[in-house]
Amino acid sequence: MRRGIYILPSIFTVGTLVCGYYAILSTLKGSQLVSAGTDVAMSMMAFDAAAQAIGWAILFDGLDGRIARLTNSSSDFGREFDSLADVITFGVAPAFLAYAWGIRMVEVSSATQSIHHLRQAGWIITFMFVICGAARLARFNIDSTKLSGDRRHFIGLPIPAAAGVIAAIVHWAKMPVTEWTIAAVWLGIIGTVALLMVSRVRYFSFKTIDLRRRRPYVMIIVIGAIVWAIWAFSEYVLLTLALTYGLSGPLARILSRIRPQSPAPEEVHAS
């Protein structure tokens, strides 16, 4: 029975891998449709399916860790397996999607002389996203083995959140990028997200939220409202959530630096 409990988190990790693999296949399908010059609507559906698969993978990734903590079934194998799955699903898959959706269509439709340089910058920056994601995971694994430390925050943008930014933008915009100027901005976003992963910027960790200690009916209402909002307005809600969390770290750091420091208390001398 105990052995089955240890396998349970890995089942959700496999779900994360399945979503990542499906996202890669859907991205490849969308890229092939663009190359063939067929209906653009079909390529939009394929890219959107890839983005949604990454979104489901984020859910599975959050569940496997929480289940492991609730059942006290964390293991070295589970941690390494989860990291390898994250590199594929939240590193390779979104990078592939970012290039195919944001650069590939520009190569076909634009006649500018800068396309060659844009293509080079595209694969370099998307590959940088993969490298930064892998480095972020390696640093997280090292930090997680330390008994001391701030458990309320992550150091650097978590790789699932970084992948979520890319997936949310694709899911919201739907239409692949066709203008090289927009593609350049897109690469700037990807590069910024990649650097945030390996930065020292702190992000709030939802792992510290203990659902058992809080009022259950309040949590049920909040979770239910979020689920309904995502179901009804997924494009806007997911984009808002992804960008809000992605920007929360840098904004908090900026505010902490410009916030006036409280004056030191004056010393009281005995008369």
C-alpha atoms as a PDB file:
ATOM      1  CA  MET A   1       0.000   0.000   0.000  1.00  0.00           C
ATOM      2  CA  ARG A   2       2.811   2.377   0.922  1.00  0.00           C
ATOM      3  CA  ARG A   3       4.567   1.664  -2.372  1.00  0.00           C
ATOM      4  CA  GLY A   4       1.426   2.685  -4.243  1.00  0.00           C
ATOM      5  CA  ILE A   5       1.402   6.016  -2.421  1.00  0.00           C
ATOM      6  CA  TYR A   6       4.956   6.704  -3.595  1.00  0.00           C
ATOM      7  CA  ILE A   7       3.898   6.052  -7.196  1.00  0.00           C
ATOM      8  CA  LEU A   8       0.931   8.452  -7.007  1.00  0.00           C
ATOM      9  CA  PRO A   9       2.879  11.734  -7.480  1.00  0.00           C
ATOM     10  CA  SER A  10       4.796  10.200 -10.390  1.00  0.00           C
ATOM     11  CA  ILE A  11       1.499   9.489 -12.150  1.00  0.00           C
ATOM     12  CA  PHE A  12       0.825  13.226 -12.269  1.00  0.00           C
ATOM     13  CA  THR A  13       4.403  13.794 -13.439  1.00  0.00           C
ATOM     14  CA  VAL A  14       3.686  11.424 -16.328  1.00  0.00           C
ATOM     15  CA  GLY A  15       0.607  13.551 -17.045  1.00  0.00           C
ATOM     16  CA  THR A  16       2.889  16.583 -17.235  1.00  0.00           C
ATOM     17  CA  LEU A  17       5.102  14.755 -19.732  1.00  0.00           C
ATOM     18  CA  VAL A  18       2.118  13.692 -21.834  1.00  0.00           C
ATOM     19  CA  CYS A  19       0.955  17.302 -22.058  1.00  0.00           C
ATOM     20  CA  GLY A  20       4.438  18.448 -23.038  1.00  0.00           C
ATOM     21  CA  TYR A  21       4.748  15.804 -25.728  1.00  0.00           C
ATOM     22  CA  TYR A  22       1.295  16.675 -27.081  1.00  0.00           C
ATOM     23  CA  ALA A  23       2.241  20.372 -27.113  1.00  0.00           C
ATOM     24  CA  ILE A  24       5.324  19.597 -29.216  1.00  0.00           C
ATOM     25  CA  LEU A  25       3.287  17.491 -31.656  1.00  0.00           C
ATOM     26  CA  SER A  26       0.593  20.180 -31.970  1.00  0.00           C
ATOM     27  CA  THR A  27       3.231  22.848 -32.544  1.00  0.00           C
ATOM     28  CA  LEU A  28       4.842  20.702 -35.236  1.00  0.00           C
ATOM     29  CA  LYS A  29       1.446  20.261 -36.876  1.00  0.00           C
ATOM     30  CA  GLY A  30       0.814  24.008 -36.841  1.00  0.00           C
ATOM     31  CA  SER A  31       4.256  24.680 -38.309  1.00  0.00           C
ATOM     32  CA  GLN A  32       3.667  22.163 -41.095  1.00  0.00           C
ATOM     33  CA  LEU A  33       0.321  23.756 -41.924  1.00  0.00           C
ATOM     34  CA  VAL A  34       2.014  27.151 -42.184  1.00  0.00           C
ATOM     35  CA  SER A  35       4.724  25.741 -44.467  1.00  0.00           C
ATOM     36  CA  ALA A  36       2.117  24.095 -46.691  1.00  0.00           C
ATOM     37  CA  GLY A  37       0.252  27.377 -47.052  1.00  0.00           C
ATOM     38  CA  THR A  38      -3.067  25.791 -46.079  1.00  0.00           C
ATOM     39  CA  ASP A  39      -5.890  27.311 -44.066  1.00  0.00           C
ATOM     40  CA  VAL A  40      -4.490  29.625 -41.376  1.00  0.00           C
ATOM     41  CA  ALA A  41      -7.392  28.723 -39.094  1.00  0.00           C
ATOM     42  CA  MET A  42      -6.110  25.147 -38.860  1.00  0.00           C
ATOM     43  CA  SER A  43      -2.656  26.306 -37.818  1.00  0.00           C
ATOM     44  CA  MET A  44      -4.233  28.615 -35.232  1.00  0.00           C
ATOM     45  CA  MET A  45      -6.119  25.677 -33.747  1.00  0.00           C
ATOM     46  CA  ALA A  46      -2.954  23.584 -33.597  1.00  0.00           C
ATOM     47  CA  PHE A  47      -0.929  26.308 -31.869  1.00  0.00           C
ATOM     48  CA  ASP A  48      -3.778  26.999 -29.450  1.00  0.00           C
ATOM     49  CA  ALA A  49      -3.999  23.294 -28.619  1.00  0.00           C
ATOM     50  CA  ALA A  50      -0.286  23.333 -27.803  1.00  0.00           C
ATOM     51  CA  ALA A  51      -0.753  26.344 -25.525  1.00  0.00           C
ATOM     52  CA  GLN A  52      -3.673  24.692 -23.743  1.00  0.00           C
ATOM     53  CA  ALA A  53      -1.631  21.512 -23.257  1.00  0.00           C
ATOM     54  CA  ILE A  54       1.064  23.542 -21.500  1.00  0.00           C
ATOM     55  CA  GLY A  55      -1.652  25.040 -19.306  1.00  0.00           C
ATOM     56  CA  TRP A  56      -2.881  21.585 -18.290  1.00  0.00           C
ATOM     57  CA  ALA A  57       0.724  20.571 -17.627  1.00  0.00           C
ATOM     58  CA  ILE A  58       1.066  23.440 -15.140  1.00  0.00           C
ATOM     59  CA  LEU A  59      -1.953  22.052 -13.279  1.00  0.00           C
ATOM     60  CA  PHE A  60      -0.497  18.523 -13.195  1.00  0.00           C
ATOM     61  CA  ASP A  61       2.874  19.862 -12.072  1.00  0.00           C
ATOM     62  CA  GLY A  62       1.273  21.673  -9.166  1.00  0.00           C
ATOM     63  CA  LEU A  63      -0.713  18.615  -8.146  1.00  0.00           C
ATOM     64  CA  ASP A  64       2.190  16.155  -8.096  1.00  0.00           C
ATOM     65  CA  GLY A  65       4.179  18.242  -5.637  1.00  0.00           C
ATOM     66  CA  ARG A  66       1.212  18.934  -3.373  1.00  0.00           C
ATOM     67  CA  ILE A  67       0.191  15.274  -3.351  1.00  0.00           C
ATOM     68  CA  ALA A  68       3.753  14.256  -2.506  1.00  0.00           C
ATOM     69  CA  ARG A  69       3.748  16.634   0.460  1.00  0.00           C
ATOM     70  CA  LEU A  70       0.284  15.658   1.683  1.00  0.00           C
ATOM     71  CA  THR A  71       1.061  11.928   1.547  1.00  0.00           C
ATOM     72  CA  ASN A  72       4.656  12.369   2.743  1.00  0.00           C
ATOM     73  CA  SER A  73       5.782  10.420  -0.319  1.00  0.00           C
ATOM     74  CA  SER A  74       8.562  12.701  -1.584  1.00  0.00           C
ATOM     75  CA  SER A  75      11.600  10.846  -2.895  1.00  0.00           C
ATOM     76  CA  ASP A  76      14.849  11.505  -4.738  1.00  0.00           C
ATOM     77  CA  PHE A  77      13.498   9.632  -7.753  1.00  0.00           C
ATOM     78  CA  GLY A  78      10.341  11.732  -7.802  1.00  0.00           C
ATOM     79  CA  ARG A  79      12.312  14.970  -7.593  1.00  0.00           C
ATOM     80  CA  GLU A  80      14.644  14.021 -10.456  1.00  0.00           C
ATOM     81  CA  PHE A  81      11.791  12.630 -12.563  1.00  0.00           C
ATOM     82  CA  ASP A  82       9.813  15.826 -12.040  1.00  0.00           C
ATOM     83  CA  SER A  83      12.792  17.974 -13.070  1.00  0.00           C
ATOM     84  CA  LEU A  84      13.354  16.028 -16.287  1.00  0.00           C
ATOM     85  CA  ALA A  85       9.659  16.283 -17.113  1.00  0.00           C
ATOM     86  CA  ASP A  86       9.745  20.029 -16.456  1.00  0.00           C
ATOM     87  CA  VAL A  87      12.697  20.561 -18.810  1.00  0.00           C
ATOM     88  CA  ILE A  88      10.747  18.942 -21.642  1.00  0.00           C
ATOM     89  CA  THR A  89       7.280  20.297 -20.901  1.00  0.00           C
ATOM     90  CA  PHE A  90       8.113  23.791 -19.646  1.00  0.00           C
ATOM     91  CA  GLY A  91      11.430  24.279 -21.444  1.00  0.00           C
ATOM     92  CA  VAL A  92      11.522  22.588 -24.845  1.00  0.00           C
ATOM     93  CA  ALA A  93       7.777  22.631 -25.624  1.00  0.00           C
ATOM     94  CA  PRO A  94       7.156  26.377 -25.006  1.00  0.00           C
ATOM     95  CA  ALA A  95      10.423  27.318 -26.732  1.00  0.00           C
ATOM     96  CA  PHE A  96       9.388  25.306 -29.794  1.00  0.00           C
ATOM     97  CA  LEU A  97       5.931  26.891 -29.666  1.00  0.00           C
ATOM     98  CA  ALA A  98       7.386  30.385 -29.276  1.00  0.00           C
ATOM     99  CA  TYR A  99       9.548  29.979 -32.382  1.00  0.00           C
ATOM    100  CA  ALA A 100       6.941  28.288 -34.582  1.00  0.00           C
ATOM    101  CA  TRP A 101       4.118  30.664 -33.626  1.00  0.00           C
ATOM    102  CA  GLY A 102       6.072  33.889 -33.351  1.00  0.00           C
ATOM    103  CA  ILE A 103       8.766  33.548 -36.038  1.00  0.00           C
ATOM    104  CA  ARG A 104       7.785  30.875 -38.546  1.00  0.00           C
ATOM    105  CA  MET A 105       4.884  32.790 -40.094  1.00  0.00           C
ATOM    106  CA  VAL A 106       7.035  35.898 -40.507  1.00  0.00           C
ATOM    107  CA  GLU A 107       9.524  33.903 -42.556  1.00  0.00           C
ATOM    108  CA  VAL A 108       6.779  33.041 -45.039  1.00  0.00           C
ATOM    109  CA  SER A 109       4.871  36.307 -45.340  1.00  0.00           C
ATOM    110  CA  SER A 110       7.487  39.049 -44.960  1.00  0.00           C
ATOM    111  CA  ALA A 111       9.884  40.231 -47.663  1.00  0.00           C
ATOM    112  CA  THR A 112      12.123  42.331 -45.422  1.00  0.00           C
ATOM    113  CA  GLN A 113      15.895  41.836 -45.572  1.00  0.00           C
ATOM    114  CA  SER A 114      15.982  41.445 -41.779  1.00  0.00           C
ATOM    115  CA  ILE A 115      14.258  38.053 -41.830  1.00  0.00           C
ATOM    116  CA  HIS A 116      17.529  36.134 -41.874  1.00  0.00           C
ATOM    117  CA  HIS A 117      18.750  37.925 -38.762  1.00  0.00           C
ATOM    118  CA  LEU A 118      15.345  37.512 -37.144  1.00  0.00           C
ATOM    119  CA  ARG A 119      15.499  33.766 -37.704  1.00  0.00           C
ATOM    120  CA  GLN A 120      18.945  33.578 -36.140  1.00  0.00           C
ATOM    121  CA  ALA A 121      17.845  35.648 -33.155  1.00  0.00           C
ATOM    122  CA  GLY A 122      14.738  33.486 -32.890  1.00  0.00           C
ATOM    123  CA  TRP A 123      16.461  30.161 -32.406  1.00  0.00           C
ATOM    124  CA  ILE A 124      19.158  31.700 -30.185  1.00  0.00           C
ATOM    125  CA  ILE A 125      16.677  33.347 -27.807  1.00  0.00           C
ATOM    126  CA  THR A 126      14.304  30.382 -27.689  1.00  0.00           C
ATOM    127  CA  PHE A 127      17.268  28.089 -26.989  1.00  0.00           C
ATOM    128  CA  MET A 128      18.352  30.516 -24.271  1.00  0.00           C
ATOM    129  CA  PHE A 129      14.897  30.008 -22.758  1.00  0.00           C
ATOM    130  CA  VAL A 130      15.554  26.253 -22.560  1.00  0.00           C
ATOM    131  CA  ILE A 131      19.012  26.742 -21.028  1.00  0.00           C
ATOM    132  CA  CYS A 132      17.766  29.233 -18.439  1.00  0.00           C
ATOM    133  CA  GLY A 133      14.893  26.926 -17.554  1.00  0.00           C
ATOM    134  CA  ALA A 134      17.234  23.978 -17.029  1.00  0.00           C
ATOM    135  CA  ALA A 135      19.563  26.133 -14.912  1.00  0.00           C
ATOM    136  CA  ARG A 136      16.583  27.363 -12.882  1.00  0.00           C
ATOM    137  CA  LEU A 137      15.549  23.769 -12.148  1.00  0.00           C
ATOM    138  CA  ALA A 138      19.090  22.773 -11.177  1.00  0.00           C
ATOM    139  CA  ARG A 139      19.309  25.682  -8.748  1.00  0.00           C
ATOM    140  CA  PHE A 140      15.895  24.829  -7.310  1.00  0.00           C
ATOM    141  CA  ASN A 141      16.930  21.218  -6.698  1.00  0.00           C
ATOM    142  CA  ILE A 142      20.030  22.385  -4.847  1.00  0.00           C
ATOM    143  CA  ASP A 143      18.088  24.904  -2.754  1.00  0.00           C
ATOM    144  CA  SER A 144      15.355  22.375  -1.925  1.00  0.00           C
ATOM    145  CA  THR A 145      17.887  20.100  -0.218  1.00  0.00           C
ATOM    146  CA  LYS A 146      18.802  22.840   2.251  1.00  0.00           C
ATOM    147  CA  LEU A 147      16.942  22.687   5.529  1.00  0.00           C
ATOM    148  CA  SER A 148      17.165  26.431   6.111  1.00  0.00           C
ATOM    149  CA  GLY A 149      15.953  29.198   3.858  1.00  0.00           C
ATOM    150  CA  ASP A 150      12.895  31.242   2.986  1.00  0.00           C
ATOM    151  CA  ARG A 151      10.168  28.777   2.013  1.00  0.00           C
ATOM    152  CA  ARG A 152       7.690  31.551   1.265  1.00  0.00           C
ATOM    153  CA  HIS A 153       9.445  32.681  -1.898  1.00  0.00           C
ATOM    154  CA  PHE A 154      11.103  31.291  -5.002  1.00  0.00           C
ATOM    155  CA  ILE A 155      14.404  32.734  -6.185  1.00  0.00           C
ATOM    156  CA  GLY A 156      13.839  33.451  -9.856  1.00  0.00           C
ATOM    157  CA  LEU A 157      10.708  32.965 -11.925  1.00  0.00           C
ATOM    158  CA  PRO A 158       9.646  29.282 -11.745  1.00  0.00           C
ATOM    159  CA  ILE A 159       9.878  27.521 -15.089  1.00  0.00           C
ATOM    160  CA  PRO A 160       6.148  26.538 -15.144  1.00  0.00           C
ATOM    161  CA  ALA A 161       5.241  30.216 -14.732  1.00  0.00           C
ATOM    162  CA  ALA A 162       7.666  31.175 -17.511  1.00  0.00           C
ATOM    163  CA  ALA A 163       6.094  28.604 -19.811  1.00  0.00           C
ATOM    164  CA  GLY A 164       2.694  29.887 -18.733  1.00  0.00           C
ATOM    165  CA  VAL A 165       3.512  33.385 -19.979  1.00  0.00           C
ATOM    166  CA  ILE A 166       4.293  32.060 -23.466  1.00  0.00           C
ATOM    167  CA  ALA A 167       1.275  29.744 -23.527  1.00  0.00           C
ATOM    168  CA  ALA A 168      -1.093  32.441 -22.240  1.00  0.00           C
ATOM    169  CA  ILE A 169      -0.020  34.938 -24.907  1.00  0.00           C
ATOM    170  CA  VAL A 170      -0.429  32.354 -27.683  1.00  0.00           C
ATOM    171  CA  HIS A 171      -3.821  31.288 -26.293  1.00  0.00           C
ATOM    172  CA  TRP A 172      -4.959  34.916 -26.100  1.00  0.00           C
ATOM    173  CA  ALA A 173      -3.687  36.124 -29.478  1.00  0.00           C
ATOM    174  CA  LYS A 174      -4.460  32.934 -31.451  1.00  0.00           C
ATOM    175  CA  MET A 175      -3.270  34.404 -34.772  1.00  0.00           C
ATOM    176  CA  PRO A 176       0.426  33.644 -35.433  1.00  0.00           C
ATOM    177  CA  VAL A 177       2.750  36.618 -35.721  1.00  0.00           C
ATOM    178  CA  THR A 178       3.168  37.861 -39.296  1.00  0.00           C
ATOM    179  CA  GLU A 179       4.941  41.221 -38.853  1.00  0.00           C
ATOM    180  CA  TRP A 180       8.669  41.252 -38.163  1.00  0.00           C
ATOM    181  CA  THR A 181       8.343  44.213 -35.779  1.00  0.00           C
ATOM    182  CA  ILE A 182       5.896  42.273 -33.606  1.00  0.00           C
ATOM    183  CA  ALA A 183       8.166  39.239 -33.840  1.00  0.00           C
ATOM    184  CA  ALA A 184      11.049  41.343 -32.516  1.00  0.00           C
ATOM    185  CA  VAL A 185       8.921  42.403 -29.542  1.00  0.00           C
ATOM    186  CA  TRP A 186       7.949  38.759 -29.044  1.00  0.00           C
ATOM    187  CA  LEU A 187      11.592  37.733 -28.853  1.00  0.00           C
ATOM    188  CA  GLY A 188      12.171  40.523 -26.350  1.00  0.00           C
ATOM    189  CA  ILE A 189       9.429  39.083 -24.144  1.00  0.00           C
ATOM    190  CA  ILE A 190      10.899  35.580 -24.374  1.00  0.00           C
ATOM    191  CA  GLY A 191      14.385  36.835 -23.546  1.00  0.00           C
ATOM    192  CA  THR A 192      13.095  38.802 -20.562  1.00  0.00           C
ATOM    193  CA  VAL A 193      11.203  35.807 -19.199  1.00  0.00           C
ATOM    194  CA  ALA A 194      14.287  33.618 -19.665  1.00  0.00           C
ATOM    195  CA  LEU A 195      16.483  36.040 -17.718  1.00  0.00           C
ATOM    196  CA  LEU A 196      13.897  36.293 -14.940  1.00  0.00           C
ATOM    197  CA  MET A 197      14.220  32.537 -14.408  1.00  0.00           C
ATOM    198  CA  VAL A 198      17.923  32.789 -13.569  1.00  0.00           C
ATOM    199  CA  SER A 199      17.638  36.110 -11.747  1.00  0.00           C
ATOM    200  CA  ARG A 200      17.683  36.639  -7.971  1.00  0.00           C
ATOM    201  CA  VAL A 201      14.217  38.205  -8.049  1.00  0.00           C
ATOM    202  CA  ARG A 202      11.913  36.684  -5.440  1.00  0.00           C
ATOM    203  CA  TYR A 203       8.477  35.306  -6.300  1.00  0.00           C
ATOM    204  CA  PHE A 204       5.744  34.240  -3.920  1.00  0.00           C
ATOM    205  CA  SER A 205       5.509  30.483  -3.398  1.00  0.00           C
ATOM    206  CA  PHE A 206       2.000  29.052  -3.354  1.00  0.00           C
ATOM    207  CA  LYS A 207       3.381  25.944  -1.670  1.00  0.00           C
ATOM    208  CA  THR A 208       3.172  27.748   1.657  1.00  0.00           C
ATOM    209  CA  ILE A 209      -0.612  28.028   1.413  1.00  0.00           C
ATOM    210  CA  ASP A 210      -2.069  25.415   3.754  1.00  0.00           C
ATOM    211  CA  LEU A 211      -5.599  24.661   2.607  1.00  0.00           C
ATOM    212  CA  ARG A 212      -6.320  22.643   5.745  1.00  0.00           C
ATOM    213  CA  ARG A 213      -5.693  25.518   8.154  1.00  0.00           C
ATOM    214  CA  ARG A 214      -7.788  28.117   6.378  1.00  0.00           C
ATOM    215  CA  ARG A 215     -11.535  28.392   6.301  1.00  0.00           C
ATOM    216  CA  PRO A 216     -12.564  25.709   3.817  1.00  0.00           C
ATOM    217  CA  TYR A 217     -15.690  27.447   2.561  1.00  0.00           C
ATOM    218  CA  VAL A 218     -13.725  30.588   1.686  1.00  0.00           C
ATOM    219  CA  MET A 219     -11.169  28.573  -0.270  1.00  0.00           C
ATOM    220  CA  ILE A 220     -13.948  26.678  -2.060  1.00  0.00           C
ATOM    221  CA  ILE A 221     -15.585  29.960  -3.119  1.00  0.00           C
ATOM    222  CA  VAL A 222     -12.289  31.471  -4.296  1.00  0.00           C
ATOM    223  CA  ILE A 223     -11.205  28.371  -6.213  1.00  0.00           C
ATOM    224  CA  GLY A 224     -14.677  27.984  -7.701  1.00  0.00           C
ATOM    225  CA  ALA A 225     -14.707  31.607  -8.869  1.00  0.00           C
ATOM    226  CA  ILE A 226     -11.278  31.250 -10.485  1.00  0.00           C
ATOM    227  CA  VAL A 227     -12.262  28.013 -12.233  1.00  0.00           C
ATOM    228  CA  TRP A 228     -15.478  29.580 -13.544  1.00  0.00           C
ATOM    229  CA  ALA A 229     -13.634  32.676 -14.771  1.00  0.00           C
ATOM    230  CA  ILE A 230     -11.061  30.539 -16.583  1.00  0.00           C
ATOM    231  CA  TRP A 231     -13.806  28.408 -18.122  1.00  0.00           C
ATOM    232  CA  ALA A 232     -15.789  31.443 -19.334  1.00  0.00           C
ATOM    233  CA  PHE A 233     -12.981  33.843 -20.262  1.00  0.00           C
ATOM    234  CA  SER A 234      -9.878  31.667 -20.472  1.00  0.00           C
ATOM    235  CA  GLU A 235      -7.949  33.890 -22.889  1.00  0.00           C
ATOM    236  CA  TYR A 236      -8.168  37.016 -20.746  1.00  0.00           C
ATOM    237  CA  VAL A 237      -8.056  35.422 -17.294  1.00  0.00           C
ATOM    238  CA  LEU A 238      -5.053  33.190 -18.003  1.00  0.00           C
ATOM    239  CA  LEU A 239      -3.167  36.051 -19.658  1.00  0.00           C
ATOM    240  CA  THR A 240      -3.884  38.294 -16.668  1.00  0.00           C
ATOM    241  CA  LEU A 241      -2.785  35.639 -14.173  1.00  0.00           C
ATOM    242  CA  ALA A 242       0.398  34.814 -16.089  1.00  0.00           C
ATOM    243  CA  LEU A 243       1.489  38.421 -16.588  1.00  0.00           C
ATOM    244  CA  THR A 244       0.541  39.455 -13.051  1.00  0.00           C
ATOM    245  CA  TYR A 245       2.665  36.734 -11.501  1.00  0.00           C
ATOM    246  CA  GLY A 246       5.507  37.272 -13.954  1.00  0.00           C
ATOM    247  CA  LEU A 247       5.647  41.004 -13.203  1.00  0.00           C
ATOM    248  CA  SER A 248       5.023  40.665  -9.461  1.00  0.00           C
ATOM    249  CA  GLY A 249       8.652  39.857  -8.683  1.00  0.00           C
ATOM    250  CA  PRO A 250      10.309  42.791 -10.494  1.00  0.00           C
ATOM    251  CA  LEU A 251       7.622  45.235  -9.326  1.00  0.00           C
ATOM    252  CA  ALA A 252       8.011  44.150  -5.695  1.00  0.00           C
ATOM    253  CA  ARG A 253      11.768  44.586  -5.967  1.00  0.00           C
ATOM    254  CA  ILE A 254      11.437  48.060  -7.490  1.00  0.00           C
ATOM    255  CA  LEU A 255       8.933  49.142  -4.844  1.00  0.00           C
ATOM    256  CA  SER A 256      11.155  47.868  -2.053  1.00  0.00           C
ATOM    257  CA  ARG A 257      13.999  50.059  -3.335  1.00  0.00           C
ATOM    258  CA  ILE A 258      12.030  53.264  -3.822  1.00  0.00           C
ATOM    259  CA  ARG A 259       9.992  52.871  -0.644  1.00  0.00           C
ATOM    260  CA  PRO A 260      11.266  55.314   1.992  1.00  0.00           C
ATOM    261  CA  GLN A 261      13.075  53.629   4.835  1.00  0.00           C
ATOM    262  CA  SER A 262      11.587  54.089   8.289  1.00  0.00           C
ATOM    263  CA  PRO A 263      13.769  56.361  10.436  1.00  0.00           C
ATOM    264  CA  ALA A 264      15.861  54.713  13.097  1.00  0.00           C
ATOM    265  CA  PRO A 265      14.513  55.168  16.624  1.00  0.00           C
ATOM    266  CA  GLU A 266      16.166  57.953  18.578  1.00  0.00           C
ATOM    267  CA  GLU A 267      18.263  57.004  21.539  1.00  0.00           C
ATOM    268  CA  VAL A 268      16.904  58.007  24.930  1.00  0.00           C
ATOM    269  CA  HIS A 269      19.584  59.199  27.348  1.00  0.00           C
ATOM    270  CA  ALA A 270      18.968  58.975  31.065  1.00  0.00           C
ATOM    271  CA  SER A 271      19.051  62.311  32.810  1.00  0.00           C
END
